[in-house]
C-alpha atoms as a PDB file:
ATOM      1  CA  UNK A   1      -1.465  13.330  -3.446  1.00  0.00           C
ATOM      2  CA  UNK A   2      -4.776  14.814  -4.716  1.00  0.00           C
ATOM      3  CA  UNK A   3      -7.316  12.566  -6.288  1.00  0.00           C
ATOM      4  CA  UNK A   4      -7.141  14.706  -9.220  1.00  0.00           C
ATOM      5  CA  UNK A   5      -3.845  14.350 -10.346  1.00  0.00           C
ATOM      6  CA  UNK A   6      -4.406  10.347  -9.988  1.00  0.00           C
ATOM      7  CA  UNK A   7      -6.651  10.896 -12.905  1.00  0.00           C
ATOM      8  CA  UNK A   8      -4.644  13.067 -15.182  1.00  0.00           C
ATOM      9  CA  UNK A   9      -4.917  11.022 -18.412  1.00  0.00           C
ATOM     10  CA  UNK A  10      -1.666  12.913 -19.975  1.00  0.00           C
ATOM     11  CA  UNK A  11       1.123  11.086 -18.232  1.00  0.00           C
ATOM     12  CA  UNK A  12       3.042   8.211 -18.776  1.00  0.00           C
ATOM     13  CA  UNK A  13       1.696   4.765 -17.216  1.00  0.00           C
ATOM     14  CA  UNK A  14       4.283   4.586 -15.076  1.00  0.00           C
ATOM     15  CA  UNK A  15       3.809   8.007 -13.674  1.00  0.00           C
ATOM     16  CA  UNK A  16      -0.239   6.988 -13.440  1.00  0.00           C
ATOM     17  CA  UNK A  17       0.876   3.911 -11.209  1.00  0.00           C
ATOM     18  CA  UNK A  18       3.313   5.984  -9.058  1.00  0.00           C
ATOM     19  CA  UNK A  19       0.707   8.242  -8.401  1.00  0.00           C
ATOM     20  CA  UNK A  20      -1.361   5.792  -6.590  1.00  0.00           C
ATOM     21  CA  UNK A  21       1.470   4.313  -4.324  1.00  0.00           C
ATOM     22  CA  UNK A  22       3.188   7.636  -3.737  1.00  0.00           C
ATOM     23  CA  UNK A  23       3.849   7.951  -0.144  1.00  0.00           C
ATOM     24  CA  UNK A  24       5.649   6.067   2.554  1.00  0.00           C
ATOM     25  CA  UNK A  25       3.105   3.402   3.656  1.00  0.00           C
ATOM     26  CA  UNK A  26       1.035   2.521   0.625  1.00  0.00           C
ATOM     27  CA  UNK A  27       3.423  -0.246  -0.660  1.00  0.00           C
ATOM     28  CA  UNK A  28       3.733  -1.749   2.590  1.00  0.00           C
ATOM     29  CA  UNK A  29      -0.331  -1.606   3.088  1.00  0.00           C
ATOM     30  CA  UNK A  30      -0.469  -3.460   0.199  1.00  0.00           C
ATOM     31  CA  UNK A  31       1.877  -6.121   1.174  1.00  0.00           C
ATOM     32  CA  UNK A  32      -0.086  -6.431   4.469  1.00  0.00           C
ATOM     33  CA  UNK A  33      -3.377  -6.991   2.917  1.00  0.00           C
ATOM     34  CA  UNK A  34      -1.976  -9.462   0.268  1.00  0.00           C
ATOM     35  CA  UNK A  35      -2.232 -12.041   3.408  1.00  0.00           C
ATOM     36  CA  UNK A  36      -6.276 -11.432   3.709  1.00  0.00           C
ATOM     37  CA  UNK A  37      -8.828  -8.982   4.879  1.00  0.00           C
ATOM     38  CA  UNK A  38      -7.674  -7.085   7.829  1.00  0.00           C
ATOM     39  CA  UNK A  39      -8.939  -4.736  10.617  1.00  0.00           C
ATOM     40  CA  UNK A  40      -6.908  -1.014  11.389  1.00  0.00           C
ATOM     41  CA  UNK A  41      -5.717  -2.311  14.490  1.00  0.00           C
ATOM     42  CA  UNK A  42      -4.030  -5.430  12.898  1.00  0.00           C
ATOM     43  CA  UNK A  43      -2.489  -3.355  10.082  1.00  0.00           C
ATOM     44  CA  UNK A  44      -0.850  -0.980  12.760  1.00  0.00           C
ATOM     45  CA  UNK A  45       0.484  -3.837  14.695  1.00  0.00           C
ATOM     46  CA  UNK A  46       2.159  -5.088  11.388  1.00  0.00           C
ATOM     47  CA  UNK A  47       3.487  -1.574  10.928  1.00  0.00           C
ATOM     48  CA  UNK A  48       4.177  -0.027  14.214  1.00  0.00           C
ATOM     49  CA  UNK A  49       5.390   3.126  12.669  1.00  0.00           C
ATOM     50  CA  UNK A  50       2.682   3.947  11.275  1.00  0.00           C
ATOM     51  CA  UNK A  51       0.278   6.349  12.999  1.00  0.00           C
ATOM     52  CA  UNK A  52      -3.505   5.981  13.426  1.00  0.00           C
ATOM     53  CA  UNK A  53      -3.921   9.435  11.183  1.00  0.00           C
ATOM     54  CA  UNK A  54      -1.637   8.605   8.485  1.00  0.00           C
ATOM     55  CA  UNK A  55      -3.069   4.862   8.114  1.00  0.00           C
ATOM     56  CA  UNK A  56      -6.453   6.425   8.017  1.00  0.00           C
ATOM     57  CA  UNK A  57      -5.208   9.072   5.319  1.00  0.00           C
ATOM     58  CA  UNK A  58      -3.628   6.338   3.246  1.00  0.00           C
ATOM     59  CA  UNK A  59      -6.538   3.856   3.515  1.00  0.00           C
ATOM     60  CA  UNK A  60      -8.858   6.353   2.423  1.00  0.00           C
ATOM     61  CA  UNK A  61      -6.803   7.184  -0.642  1.00  0.00           C
ATOM     62  CA  UNK A  62      -6.489   3.760  -1.779  1.00  0.00           C
ATOM     63  CA  UNK A  63      -9.956   3.125  -1.311  1.00  0.00           C
ATOM     64  CA  UNK A  64     -10.402   5.993  -3.417  1.00  0.00           C
ATOM     65  CA  UNK A  65      -8.046   4.762  -5.979  1.00  0.00           C
ATOM     66  CA  UNK A  66      -9.970   1.543  -6.467  1.00  0.00           C
ATOM     67  CA  UNK A  67      -6.996  -0.382  -4.378  1.00  0.00           C
ATOM     68  CA  UNK A  68      -8.990  -1.247  -1.350  1.00  0.00           C
ATOM     69  CA  UNK A  69     -12.397  -1.958  -0.155  1.00  0.00           C
ATOM     70  CA  UNK A  70     -13.612  -0.978   3.039  1.00  0.00           C
ATOM     71  CA  UNK A  71     -16.161  -2.884   4.683  1.00  0.00           C
ATOM     72  CA  UNK A  72     -18.037  -1.870   8.004  1.00  0.00           C
ATOM     73  CA  UNK A  73     -19.891  -4.478   9.955  1.00  0.00           C
ATOM     74  CA  UNK A  74     -22.683  -3.317  11.968  1.00  0.00           C
ATOM     75  CA  UNK A  75     -21.888  -4.338  15.416  1.00  0.00           C
ATOM     76  CA  UNK A  76     -21.093  -2.437  18.539  1.00  0.00           C
ATOM     77  CA  UNK A  77     -18.416  -1.209  18.516  1.00  0.00           C
ATOM     78  CA  UNK A  78     -18.266  -0.887  14.636  1.00  0.00           C
ATOM     79  CA  UNK A  79     -15.818  -3.508  13.159  1.00  0.00           C
ATOM     80  CA  UNK A  80     -14.131  -2.019   9.778  1.00  0.00           C
ATOM     81  CA  UNK A  81     -12.249  -4.217   7.839  1.00  0.00           C
ATOM     82  CA  UNK A  82     -10.191  -3.587   4.782  1.00  0.00           C
ATOM     83  CA  UNK A  83      -9.153  -5.967   1.910  1.00  0.00           C
ATOM     84  CA  UNK A  84      -7.703  -5.758  -1.484  1.00  0.00           C
ATOM     85  CA  UNK A  85      -9.764  -5.161  -4.268  1.00  0.00           C
ATOM     86  CA  UNK A  86      -9.198  -7.065  -7.771  1.00  0.00           C
ATOM     87  CA  UNK A  87      -7.391  -3.666  -8.989  1.00  0.00           C
ATOM     88  CA  UNK A  88      -5.384  -3.467  -5.771  1.00  0.00           C
ATOM     89  CA  UNK A  89      -4.252  -7.225  -6.146  1.00  0.00           C
ATOM     90  CA  UNK A  90      -3.484  -6.859  -9.386  1.00  0.00           C
ATOM     91  CA  UNK A  91      -1.140  -3.828  -8.759  1.00  0.00           C
ATOM     92  CA  UNK A  92       0.335  -5.830  -6.067  1.00  0.00           C
ATOM     93  CA  UNK A  93       1.310  -8.600  -8.290  1.00  0.00           C
ATOM     94  CA  UNK A  94       2.813  -5.896 -11.237  1.00  0.00           C
ATOM     95  CA  UNK A  95       5.305  -4.480  -8.310  1.00  0.00           C
ATOM     96  CA  UNK A  96       6.377  -7.910  -7.170  1.00  0.00           C
ATOM     97  CA  UNK A  97       9.120  -7.722  -9.726  1.00  0.00           C
ATOM     98  CA  UNK A  98       9.908  -4.313  -8.770  1.00  0.00           C
ATOM     99  CA  UNK A  99      10.182  -5.764  -4.898  1.00  0.00           C
ATOM    100  CA  UNK A 100      12.495  -8.562  -6.226  1.00  0.00           C
ATOM    101  CA  UNK A 101      14.783  -5.673  -7.969  1.00  0.00           C
ATOM    102  CA  UNK A 102      14.707  -3.972  -4.806  1.00  0.00           C
ATOM    103  CA  UNK A 103      16.142  -6.845  -2.832  1.00  0.00           C
ATOM    104  CA  UNK A 104      18.789  -7.564  -5.117  1.00  0.00           C
ATOM    105  CA  UNK A 105      19.915  -4.230  -5.067  1.00  0.00           C
ATOM    106  CA  UNK A 106      19.792  -4.182  -1.272  1.00  0.00           C
ATOM    107  CA  UNK A 107      21.836  -7.397  -1.551  1.00  0.00           C
ATOM    108  CA  UNK A 108      24.624  -5.513  -3.727  1.00  0.00           C
ATOM    109  CA  UNK A 109      24.730  -2.472  -1.250  1.00  0.00           C
ATOM    110  CA  UNK A 110      25.328  -4.991   1.702  1.00  0.00           C
ATOM    111  CA  UNK A 111      28.143  -6.677  -0.272  1.00  0.00           C
ATOM    112  CA  UNK A 112      29.952  -3.508  -0.984  1.00  0.00           C
ATOM    113  CA  UNK A 113      29.398  -2.253   2.539  1.00  0.00           C
ATOM    114  CA  UNK A 114      33.057  -2.702   4.499  1.00  0.00           C
ATOM    115  CA  UNK A 115      33.490  -5.102   7.406  1.00  0.00           C
ATOM    116  CA  UNK A 116      34.012  -3.764  10.745  1.00  0.00           C
END
């Protein structure tokens, strides 16, 4: 998703919000960072199917959108730590009811599955 699209002022609020969480991994990264600052390796261990390339791209986009703060410690080897900004935490809190709804939906789907 291009950064200019996320800044389009002629869209509804839901579209503007979805623009910054669009993609397979961004909501999972928000969830992972809710527990506190983490290094990229820690994030990859928590989300094992996430490739390093996609992780880097998603974190850069989230940083550009003001959701994630990147801090590089001047030690050898370089130590990079990512954390949620206040804006990112606010988005995460706003998504909590949607997450609850999604879990209820999954429960209903599970109830409707035939028992084999």
